[in-house]
Amino acid sequence: ECQEIPAYSIKPVPTKVSSKVKGACVLKPPVSLMATTSLSTGHALVQKDLENIPVANLSPKSVWLEKDVTLGTLEEIQEVEKAD
């Protein structure tokens, strides 16, 4: 169902994950979402089994988020070793 995101607010939105990434991962929002709707998830560390994604409305008016819109892509966390 469509979700109304009030102006200048963050609302948890139910999600459906279609990624084979395991465990914790990085959520990267699509540029097109922000460009067309003023909505963003921001970059976030999340668990793959998440049920809701916080979506921020950065505009001065309410925005409707349509059903089945891609809120981002999940990428595996790359481990980086500290250099001496």
Protein backbone atom coordinates (compact mmCIF):
# COMPACT_ATOMS: atom_id res chain seq x y z
CA GLU A 1 0.00 0.00 0.00
CA CYS A 2 1.07 3.62 -0.48
CA GLN A 3 2.61 5.40 2.49
CA GLU A 4 2.29 9.10 3.26
CA ILE A 5 5.52 10.58 4.60
CA PRO A 6 4.82 13.93 6.33
CA ALA A 7 6.97 16.99 5.58
CA TYR A 8 10.40 17.08 7.25
CA SER A 9 9.88 13.75 9.00
CA ILE A 10 11.08 10.16 9.12
CA LYS A 11 8.65 7.24 8.92
CA PRO A 12 9.36 3.49 9.14
CA VAL A 13 8.11 1.83 5.95
CA PRO A 14 7.45 -1.94 5.68
CA THR A 15 9.87 -3.57 3.25
CA LYS A 16 10.36 -6.67 1.17
CA VAL A 17 14.02 -7.67 0.80
CA SER A 18 15.04 -9.35 -2.45
CA SER A 19 18.77 -9.73 -1.87
CA LYS A 20 20.96 -12.74 -1.26
CA VAL A 21 23.33 -10.78 1.01
CA LYS A 22 23.76 -12.47 4.40
CA GLY A 23 23.93 -10.82 7.83
CA ALA A 24 24.70 -7.13 8.21
CA CYS A 25 24.97 -5.02 5.08
CA VAL A 26 24.97 -1.44 3.81
CA LEU A 27 21.75 0.05 2.46
CA LYS A 28 22.45 2.49 -0.38
CA PRO A 29 19.52 4.62 -1.59
CA PRO A 30 18.94 5.16 -5.31
CA VAL A 31 19.70 8.71 -6.51
CA SER A 32 16.46 8.67 -8.50
CA LEU A 33 14.33 8.35 -5.34
CA MET A 34 15.67 11.60 -3.91
CA ALA A 35 15.57 13.37 -7.27
CA THR A 36 11.94 12.53 -8.02
CA THR A 37 10.30 12.45 -4.57
CA SER A 38 12.53 14.24 -1.99
CA LEU A 39 12.58 10.93 -0.06
CA SER A 40 15.71 9.14 1.10
CA THR A 41 16.74 6.26 3.31
CA GLY A 42 20.26 7.61 3.61
CA HIS A 43 23.19 5.21 3.77
CA ALA A 44 22.66 2.83 6.67
CA LEU A 45 24.07 -0.32 8.25
CA VAL A 46 21.21 -2.81 8.48
CA GLN A 47 20.48 -6.50 9.00
CA LYS A 48 19.28 -8.38 5.91
CA ASP A 49 16.16 -9.56 7.77
CA LEU A 50 14.93 -6.00 8.36
CA GLU A 51 11.16 -5.51 8.22
CA ASN A 52 11.05 -1.70 8.11
CA ILE A 53 13.28 0.97 6.59
CA PRO A 54 13.20 4.53 7.97
CA VAL A 55 12.39 6.86 5.08
CA ALA A 56 13.05 10.60 5.43
CA ASN A 57 11.01 13.26 3.64
CA LEU A 58 13.30 16.24 3.11
CA SER A 59 10.66 18.46 1.50
CA PRO A 60 8.32 21.08 3.04
CA LYS A 61 5.20 19.10 2.04
CA SER A 62 3.87 15.57 2.50
CA VAL A 63 4.95 13.03 -0.12
CA TRP A 64 3.29 9.75 -1.04
CA LEU A 65 5.58 6.74 -1.45
CA GLU A 66 4.07 4.36 -4.00
CA LYS A 67 3.95 0.60 -3.40
CA ASP A 68 6.85 -1.50 -4.76
CA VAL A 69 9.26 1.45 -5.10
CA THR A 70 12.91 0.44 -4.69
CA LEU A 71 14.20 2.10 -1.51
CA GLY A 72 17.80 1.03 -1.99
CA THR A 73 20.24 -1.75 -2.66
CA LEU A 74 21.94 -3.94 -0.07
CA GLU A 75 25.67 -4.49 -0.33
CA GLU A 76 27.89 -6.73 1.74
CA ILE A 77 30.09 -4.99 4.26
CA GLN A 78 33.69 -5.01 3.09
CA GLU A 79 36.12 -5.69 5.91
CA VAL A 80 39.08 -3.35 5.98
CA GLU A 81 42.21 -4.10 7.94
CA LYS A 82 43.91 -1.30 9.81
CA ALA A 83 47.25 -0.33 8.29
CA ASP A 84 50.21 0.10 10.61
